[in-house]
C-alpha cells in the first residue's frame, strides 16, 4: 500500500500533466499497450511517436510511479542499504532510461512517504541524474519531477539530464541506481544478453540498484535469467524479491515467471482511462530485481521465511499458495479450511508478495491447525551501507 505522502506526490504530477481529453488519451494508451505487448519488434522505430509520449506522460507515469514506491518499500524492509536512504542529507539517484519521469517520481514519492512514516523532518537534497536519449521525453521528465518535489517539504532538487544511450555511460558515484522498463527495449540475442549482464553487474557492484520490468512472461523470465547471472558473477547480492542467493527455482518450468500483482488505488485519471479502455484489474503489475553491493548478510531469523508468490488459489476446501522459500525451494503449500485458526490465518490473509514464517514448517507442505504463521521480520538485512 502506498503511503499517503507518496500518493499525494503522484497525484500532483498527474494534475500537472493533464491536458489531453480522456477519449483521445485512451486511444493513445491502447495503441502504446498494443506496441509493448503484441508488436514489441516495432519498439525501436515507433515508440518516439508523439501520441505515445502523451500516453506515457499523462497515463503511464501515474500508473508506473507506484511500482517504484512499492518495490523500494520492500527493499527497505529487507536491506539496510535501501533503508538508510531516507536518512541522508543528500541522496544521489541515477535514473537510467528515465523516460518521462515515472521512475524518479516514484522514488520521490517513496522518499516522502518513508520520511513521513519515520517522522524525519530534516532538509534533504535530491540529486537526480537522468539518462534519456529522447529530447521530448527529457523535457517531460524535468517538468514531472519538479511537480513531484514541490509537494515534499524540505526538499531541494538538483536535476542533470544527459541525452545519451545509458549502455555507454560510466555510472557516476550515487546512492541508488534505478532502471524501469528499459532493459527489455534493448536488442535481443545471446550477445546482447551477455552485454546486459555485464552492464547491470557494474551498476550492482557500485550502488543499491532497482530494475523494474513489465510483468510479461518473456520480459520477466529474462529478468530471472539476469538475476541468476548476477549471483554467479558475485560482487553484489540479491535484496528482493528473492529471500536467497540460490538459483531461481521458477526458471525450471518454462511456463512460470515471478511477477508482482499489488493492490493499489488508481489515481482519478488512471481510473477514468481504465474505464474507457475496459481495464478492470486495478493491481500494479510488474516484475523487479533489487541488488546491493557485497555479499548477502546473515538472515535475522532462524525460521525459514516464505515469500507468497501467488494470490490464494481457488481450491475447494482449502487455501493453496505457491511460496518461494528462503532455502531456495518453490513449494505449493496448503491450509485446509477446517484447520484454519487465528494462529495460522495469516497464510490466507497475507497479500501476494508478503513474507511470512510458518512454525513448525511442515515437511508435507500442509499447514497444521496448531502452526503459527507470522509476517517476516521487518528488517531482515543486517549489512552496513
Protein backbone atom coordinates (compact mmCIF):
# COMPACT_ATOMS: atom_id res chain seq x y z
CA UNK A 1 0.00 0.00 0.00
CA UNK A 2 1.23 3.48 -0.87
CA UNK A 3 1.85 5.96 1.92
CA UNK A 4 -0.46 8.98 1.70
CA UNK A 5 2.53 11.26 1.07
CA UNK A 6 3.60 9.13 -1.90
CA UNK A 7 0.11 9.17 -3.37
CA UNK A 8 -0.13 12.95 -2.86
CA UNK A 9 3.11 13.35 -4.78
CA UNK A 10 1.91 11.24 -7.73
CA UNK A 11 -1.48 12.98 -7.80
CA UNK A 12 0.27 16.36 -8.08
CA UNK A 13 2.21 15.17 -11.13
CA UNK A 14 -0.92 13.72 -12.71
CA UNK A 15 -2.72 17.04 -12.29
CA UNK A 16 0.22 19.00 -13.70
CA UNK A 17 0.46 16.77 -16.79
CA UNK A 18 -3.26 16.53 -17.64
CA UNK A 19 -4.00 18.26 -20.97
CA UNK A 20 -5.46 15.67 -23.37
CA UNK A 21 -9.19 14.81 -23.50
CA UNK A 22 -9.89 11.43 -21.90
CA UNK A 23 -11.04 9.61 -25.03
CA UNK A 24 -8.06 10.78 -27.08
CA UNK A 25 -5.74 9.74 -24.27
CA UNK A 26 -7.47 6.35 -24.00
CA UNK A 27 -6.85 5.74 -27.69
CA UNK A 28 -3.15 6.59 -27.29
CA UNK A 29 -2.92 4.31 -24.25
CA UNK A 30 -4.43 1.39 -26.17
CA UNK A 31 -2.01 1.90 -29.06
CA UNK A 32 1.01 2.05 -26.77
CA UNK A 33 -0.14 -1.00 -24.79
CA UNK A 34 -0.51 -2.91 -28.05
CA UNK A 35 3.01 -1.87 -29.07
CA UNK A 36 4.51 -3.20 -25.84
CA UNK A 37 2.55 -6.46 -25.72
CA UNK A 38 1.91 -7.70 -29.27
CA UNK A 39 4.19 -5.60 -31.51
CA UNK A 40 7.39 -5.46 -29.47
CA UNK A 41 9.50 -5.77 -32.61
CA UNK A 42 8.38 -2.27 -33.61
CA UNK A 43 9.51 -0.64 -30.35
CA UNK A 44 12.79 0.86 -31.65
CA UNK A 45 11.11 2.64 -34.57
CA UNK A 46 7.71 3.60 -33.18
CA UNK A 47 7.97 4.47 -29.51
CA UNK A 48 9.06 8.07 -30.18
CA UNK A 49 5.63 8.78 -31.73
CA UNK A 50 4.07 11.93 -30.22
CA UNK A 51 0.88 10.13 -29.16
CA UNK A 52 2.95 7.54 -27.30
CA UNK A 53 4.74 10.31 -25.42
CA UNK A 54 1.34 11.71 -24.44
CA UNK A 55 0.23 8.29 -23.18
CA UNK A 56 3.42 7.88 -21.16
CA UNK A 57 3.23 11.35 -19.61
CA UNK A 58 -0.49 11.54 -18.86
CA UNK A 59 -1.35 7.92 -18.04
CA UNK A 60 1.55 5.52 -17.65
CA UNK A 61 3.56 7.84 -15.41
CA UNK A 62 0.85 7.77 -12.73
CA UNK A 63 0.40 4.00 -13.08
CA UNK A 64 4.14 3.19 -13.17
CA UNK A 65 5.41 5.50 -10.42
CA UNK A 66 3.67 3.50 -7.65
CA UNK A 67 5.54 0.37 -8.77
CA UNK A 68 8.82 2.05 -7.85
CA UNK A 69 7.50 3.12 -4.45
CA UNK A 70 6.13 -0.38 -3.75
CA UNK A 71 9.38 -2.10 -4.72
CA UNK A 72 11.52 0.35 -2.74
CA UNK A 73 9.37 -0.22 0.34
CA UNK A 74 10.06 -3.95 0.09
CA UNK A 75 13.76 -3.28 -0.41
CA UNK A 76 13.91 -1.00 2.64
CA UNK A 77 12.26 -3.73 4.72
CA UNK A 78 14.88 -6.21 3.53
CA UNK A 79 18.13 -4.25 3.41
CA UNK A 80 19.90 -1.53 5.35
CA UNK A 81 21.44 -0.41 2.05
CA UNK A 82 17.98 0.79 0.99
CA UNK A 83 16.56 1.55 4.44
CA UNK A 84 19.12 4.26 5.19
CA UNK A 85 18.37 6.33 2.06
CA UNK A 86 15.63 8.49 3.67
CA UNK A 87 18.04 9.47 6.45
CA UNK A 88 20.65 11.00 4.12
CA UNK A 89 21.08 14.77 3.87
CA UNK A 90 21.83 14.35 0.15
CA UNK A 91 20.52 11.44 -1.93
CA UNK A 92 22.17 10.90 -5.32
CA UNK A 93 19.98 8.93 -7.73
CA UNK A 94 20.86 7.75 -11.23
CA UNK A 95 17.78 7.08 -13.39
CA UNK A 96 18.75 5.09 -16.49
CA UNK A 97 16.35 5.24 -19.43
CA UNK A 98 14.49 7.88 -17.44
CA UNK A 99 11.70 8.48 -19.97
CA UNK A 100 9.07 10.99 -18.88
CA UNK A 101 9.92 10.66 -15.19
CA UNK A 102 7.79 7.84 -13.78
CA UNK A 103 10.74 6.20 -12.04
CA UNK A 104 12.11 9.35 -10.41
CA UNK A 105 8.60 10.47 -9.43
CA UNK A 106 8.09 7.08 -7.82
CA UNK A 107 11.35 7.49 -5.92
CA UNK A 108 10.42 10.98 -4.71
CA UNK A 109 7.03 9.68 -3.61
CA UNK A 110 8.60 6.76 -1.76
CA UNK A 111 11.12 9.05 -0.08
CA UNK A 112 8.34 11.41 1.00
CA UNK A 113 6.34 8.51 2.42
CA UNK A 114 9.28 6.98 4.27
CA UNK A 115 10.35 10.31 5.77
CA UNK A 116 6.78 10.95 6.92
CA UNK A 117 6.46 7.43 8.34
CA UNK A 118 9.69 7.80 10.29
CA UNK A 119 8.98 11.44 11.26
CA UNK A 120 12.17 12.67 9.54
CA UNK A 121 11.92 16.46 9.20
CA UNK A 122 15.50 17.46 8.38
CA UNK A 123 16.07 19.05 4.93
CA UNK A 124 17.09 16.74 2.10
CA UNK A 125 18.75 17.45 -1.23
CA UNK A 126 17.79 15.08 -4.04
CA UNK A 127 20.29 14.95 -6.89
CA UNK A 128 18.76 13.29 -9.94
CA UNK A 129 21.00 12.20 -12.80
CA UNK A 130 18.62 11.20 -15.58
CA UNK A 131 19.88 9.47 -18.72
CA UNK A 132 17.37 9.71 -21.57
CA UNK A 133 18.04 9.86 -25.31
CA UNK A 134 14.74 11.44 -26.38
CA UNK A 135 14.59 15.22 -26.04
CA UNK A 136 10.76 15.45 -25.74
CA UNK A 137 10.78 12.80 -23.01
CA UNK A 138 13.61 14.62 -21.22
CA UNK A 139 11.56 17.84 -21.17
CA UNK A 140 8.58 15.96 -19.74
CA UNK A 141 10.89 14.35 -17.18
CA UNK A 142 12.04 17.69 -15.80
CA UNK A 143 8.50 19.06 -15.52
CA UNK A 144 7.25 15.92 -13.78
CA UNK A 145 9.98 15.59 -11.16
CA UNK A 146 9.71 19.28 -10.30
CA UNK A 147 5.97 18.87 -9.75
CA UNK A 148 6.63 15.84 -7.54
CA UNK A 149 9.30 17.54 -5.44
CA UNK A 150 7.11 20.61 -4.92
CA UNK A 151 4.79 18.53 -2.72
CA UNK A 152 7.52 17.45 -0.28
CA UNK A 153 8.53 19.84 2.50
CA UNK A 154 12.23 20.46 2.99
CA UNK A 155 13.32 19.11 -0.40
CA UNK A 156 15.90 20.79 -2.61
CA UNK A 157 16.03 19.30 -6.10
CA UNK A 158 19.03 19.23 -8.45
CA UNK A 159 18.49 17.76 -11.92
CA UNK A 160 21.04 16.75 -14.54
CA UNK A 161 19.65 15.24 -17.74
CA UNK A 162 22.08 13.51 -20.06
CA UNK A 163 20.94 12.77 -23.62
CA UNK A 164 22.76 9.54 -24.38
CA UNK A 165 22.41 5.77 -24.55
CA UNK A 166 22.68 4.56 -20.95
CA UNK A 167 24.56 1.46 -22.12
CA UNK A 168 27.53 3.70 -22.93
CA UNK A 169 27.50 5.54 -19.62
CA UNK A 170 30.07 5.04 -16.90
CA UNK A 171 27.80 5.38 -13.86
CA UNK A 172 28.80 8.27 -11.60
CA UNK A 173 29.04 7.71 -7.83
CA UNK A 174 25.50 7.54 -6.48
CA UNK A 175 23.39 6.23 -3.62
CA UNK A 176 20.80 4.47 -5.80
CA UNK A 177 20.54 3.31 -9.40
CA UNK A 178 17.08 2.95 -10.96
CA UNK A 179 16.08 1.46 -14.31
CA UNK A 180 12.42 0.90 -15.18
CA UNK A 181 11.11 -0.80 -18.35
CA UNK A 182 14.29 -0.01 -20.27
CA UNK A 183 16.30 -3.25 -20.33
CA UNK A 184 13.53 -5.05 -22.21
CA UNK A 185 13.79 -2.50 -25.01
CA UNK A 186 17.40 -3.41 -25.77
CA UNK A 187 18.28 -5.65 -28.69
CA UNK A 188 17.73 -9.40 -28.31
CA UNK A 189 20.15 -12.27 -28.76
CA UNK A 190 22.87 -14.00 -26.76
CA UNK A 191 25.45 -11.27 -27.39
CA UNK A 192 23.14 -8.54 -26.10
CA UNK A 193 22.08 -10.66 -23.13
CA UNK A 194 25.73 -11.02 -22.12
CA UNK A 195 26.23 -7.27 -22.53
CA UNK A 196 23.17 -6.60 -20.35
CA UNK A 197 24.51 -8.86 -17.60
CA UNK A 198 27.87 -7.05 -17.68
CA UNK A 199 26.11 -3.68 -17.62
CA UNK A 200 23.83 -4.44 -14.67
CA UNK A 201 26.70 -6.10 -12.83
CA UNK A 202 28.59 -2.80 -12.96
CA UNK A 203 25.58 -0.96 -11.53
CA UNK A 204 25.00 -3.58 -8.83
CA UNK A 205 28.58 -3.56 -7.60
CA UNK A 206 28.62 0.24 -7.37
CA UNK A 207 25.35 1.07 -5.57
CA UNK A 208 21.98 -0.32 -4.48
CA UNK A 209 20.11 -0.99 -7.72
CA UNK A 210 16.46 -1.48 -8.61
CA UNK A 211 15.40 -2.80 -12.03
CA UNK A 212 11.69 -2.95 -12.90
CA UNK A 213 10.32 -4.68 -16.00
CA UNK A 214 6.84 -5.40 -17.42
CA UNK A 215 5.02 -8.40 -15.92
CA UNK A 216 5.13 -10.31 -19.20
CA UNK A 217 6.42 -13.86 -19.44
CA UNK A 218 9.23 -13.00 -21.87
CA UNK A 219 10.49 -9.91 -20.05
CA UNK A 220 10.19 -11.46 -16.59
CA UNK A 221 11.97 -14.69 -17.48
CA UNK A 222 14.76 -12.59 -18.99
CA UNK A 223 14.98 -10.72 -15.67
CA UNK A 224 15.08 -14.05 -13.80
CA UNK A 225 17.97 -15.18 -16.01
CA UNK A 226 19.74 -11.87 -15.37
CA UNK A 227 19.29 -12.43 -11.64
CA UNK A 228 20.97 -15.84 -11.76
CA UNK A 229 23.82 -14.48 -13.87
CA UNK A 230 24.46 -11.67 -11.37
CA UNK A 231 24.58 -14.15 -8.49
CA UNK A 232 27.14 -16.22 -10.41
CA UNK A 233 29.32 -13.17 -11.09
CA UNK A 234 29.36 -12.09 -7.44
CA UNK A 235 30.28 -8.68 -6.09
CA UNK A 236 26.64 -7.95 -5.24
CA UNK A 237 23.74 -9.79 -3.66
CA UNK A 238 20.02 -10.07 -4.29
CA UNK A 239 17.91 -7.92 -1.95
CA UNK A 240 14.44 -8.54 -3.38
CA UNK A 241 12.15 -10.10 -4.35
CA UNK A 242 14.18 -13.22 -3.53
CA UNK A 243 14.90 -14.39 0.01
CA UNK A 244 18.00 -16.33 -1.06
CA UNK A 245 21.07 -16.27 -3.32
CA UNK A 246 20.44 -19.73 -4.82
CA UNK A 247 19.34 -20.33 -8.43
CA UNK A 248 15.82 -19.12 -9.18
CA UNK A 249 13.56 -22.20 -8.79
CA UNK A 250 10.93 -20.77 -11.15
CA UNK A 251 13.26 -20.99 -14.13
CA UNK A 252 12.94 -24.79 -14.10
CA UNK A 253 9.46 -24.64 -15.66
CA UNK A 254 9.13 -22.69 -18.90
CA UNK A 255 5.58 -21.64 -18.06
CA UNK A 256 6.46 -19.91 -14.77
CA UNK A 257 7.51 -16.32 -14.25
CA UNK A 258 7.87 -14.40 -10.98
CA UNK A 259 5.92 -11.16 -11.14
CA UNK A 260 4.03 -8.83 -8.83
CA UNK A 261 0.31 -8.04 -8.71
CA UNK A 262 -0.10 -5.45 -5.95
CA UNK A 263 -3.36 -3.83 -4.98
CA UNK A 264 -3.29 -0.03 -5.17
CA UNK A 265 -5.93 2.63 -5.57
CA UNK A 266 -5.60 4.10 -9.08
CA UNK A 267 -5.34 7.84 -9.47
CA UNK A 268 -8.51 9.58 -10.76
CA UNK A 269 -7.14 10.00 -14.30
CA UNK A 270 -5.87 6.44 -14.49
CA UNK A 271 -9.24 5.17 -13.23
CA UNK A 272 -11.09 7.23 -15.85
CA UNK A 273 -8.94 5.92 -18.70
CA UNK A 274 -9.16 2.34 -17.41
CA UNK A 275 -12.95 2.63 -17.51
CA UNK A 276 -12.87 3.76 -21.14
CA UNK A 277 -10.49 1.03 -22.32
CA UNK A 278 -12.20 -1.65 -20.22
CA UNK A 279 -9.30 -2.46 -17.93
CA UNK A 280 -10.70 -3.96 -14.72
CA UNK A 281 -7.60 -5.11 -12.86
CA UNK A 282 -6.57 -2.25 -10.59
CA UNK A 283 -3.43 -4.03 -9.41
CA UNK A 284 0.05 -2.78 -10.24
CA UNK A 285 1.58 -5.49 -12.44
CA UNK A 286 5.36 -5.63 -12.75
CA UNK A 287 8.47 -7.69 -12.12
CA UNK A 288 11.53 -6.38 -10.33
CA UNK A 289 15.04 -7.17 -9.17
CA UNK A 290 16.90 -5.30 -6.43
CA UNK A 291 20.56 -5.75 -5.55
CA UNK A 292 23.13 -4.23 -3.20
CA UNK A 293 26.93 -4.33 -3.32
CA UNK A 294 28.85 -7.00 -1.45
CA UNK A 295 27.94 -10.37 -0.01
CA UNK A 296 24.50 -11.17 1.36
CA UNK A 297 24.17 -10.57 5.11
CA UNK A 298 23.18 -13.23 7.61
CA UNK A 299 19.44 -13.57 7.99
CA UNK A 300 17.82 -12.20 11.14
CA UNK A 301 15.71 -15.26 11.92
CA UNK A 302 16.31 -18.98 12.34
CA UNK A 303 12.90 -19.75 10.82
CA UNK A 304 12.62 -20.47 7.10
CA UNK A 305 10.91 -17.44 5.58
CA UNK A 306 8.46 -17.84 2.72
CA UNK A 307 7.53 -15.30 0.07
CA UNK A 308 3.98 -15.64 -1.19
CA UNK A 309 4.40 -15.52 -4.96
CA UNK A 310 0.74 -16.07 -5.90
CA UNK A 311 -2.64 -14.95 -4.69
CA UNK A 312 -4.74 -17.54 -2.89
CA UNK A 313 -5.68 -20.25 -5.38
CA UNK A 314 -9.32 -21.24 -5.69
CA UNK A 315 -9.08 -24.77 -4.37
CA UNK A 316 -12.17 -26.39 -2.86
CA UNK A 317 -11.98 -26.83 0.89
CA UNK A 318 -8.51 -25.35 1.24
CA UNK A 319 -6.27 -22.38 0.54
CA UNK A 320 -3.26 -23.11 -1.65
CA UNK A 321 -0.43 -20.71 -2.41
CA UNK A 322 2.85 -21.06 -4.22
CA UNK A 323 5.71 -19.95 -1.97
CA UNK A 324 9.38 -19.31 -2.66
CA UNK A 325 11.32 -20.32 0.44
CA UNK A 326 14.49 -18.79 1.86
CA UNK A 327 16.18 -22.18 1.34
CA UNK A 328 15.65 -21.86 -2.42
CA UNK A 329 12.69 -24.23 -2.75
CA UNK A 330 9.49 -23.43 -4.65
CA UNK A 331 6.59 -25.24 -2.97
CA UNK A 332 2.79 -25.34 -3.15
CA UNK A 333 1.60 -25.02 0.44
CA UNK A 334 -1.96 -25.60 1.61
CA UNK A 335 -4.16 -24.89 4.59
CA UNK A 336 -7.45 -26.75 4.93
CA UNK A 337 -10.48 -24.58 5.65
CA UNK A 338 -11.43 -26.76 8.62
CA UNK A 339 -7.92 -26.38 10.06
CA UNK A 340 -7.76 -22.59 9.75
CA UNK A 341 -7.23 -20.92 13.13
CA UNK A 342 -6.36 -17.49 14.47
CA UNK A 343 -2.75 -18.67 14.71
CA UNK A 344 -2.38 -19.71 11.05
CA UNK A 345 -4.88 -17.40 9.33
CA UNK A 346 -2.08 -15.11 8.14
CA UNK A 347 -1.41 -17.66 5.38
CA UNK A 348 -4.87 -16.86 4.00
CA UNK A 349 -4.99 -13.13 4.72
CA UNK A 350 -1.48 -12.05 3.70
CA UNK A 351 -1.09 -10.23 0.40
CA UNK A 352 0.78 -11.58 -2.58
CA UNK A 353 4.43 -10.58 -2.16
CA UNK A 354 4.32 -10.70 1.65
CA UNK A 355 6.98 -12.63 3.55
CA UNK A 356 5.78 -14.99 6.28
CA UNK A 357 7.11 -17.70 8.56
CA UNK A 358 5.35 -20.98 9.41
CA UNK A 359 6.34 -22.60 12.69
CA UNK A 360 6.68 -25.52 12.57
CA UNK A 361 7.39 -25.73 8.83
CA UNK A 362 5.57 -28.84 7.55
CA UNK A 363 7.54 -31.42 5.59
CA UNK A 364 4.43 -32.28 3.53
CA UNK A 365 3.51 -28.60 2.83
CA UNK A 366 0.20 -28.92 4.73
CA UNK A 367 -0.02 -26.28 7.44
CA UNK A 368 -1.20 -27.71 10.75
CA UNK A 369 -4.04 -26.16 12.78
CA UNK A 370 -1.53 -25.59 15.58
CA UNK A 371 1.04 -23.89 13.32
CA UNK A 372 1.94 -20.26 13.95
CA UNK A 373 2.02 -18.13 10.77
CA UNK A 374 3.55 -14.68 11.18
CA UNK A 375 4.80 -11.91 8.94
CA UNK A 376 8.56 -11.97 8.40
CA UNK A 377 10.90 -9.70 10.35
CA UNK A 378 10.58 -6.03 9.36
CA UNK A 379 14.29 -5.73 8.65
CA UNK A 380 15.84 -8.99 7.53
CA UNK A 381 19.11 -7.47 6.31
CA UNK A 382 21.95 -6.65 8.65
CA UNK A 383 24.55 -5.20 6.30
CA UNK A 384 26.09 -1.80 6.89
CA UNK A 385 25.56 0.63 3.99
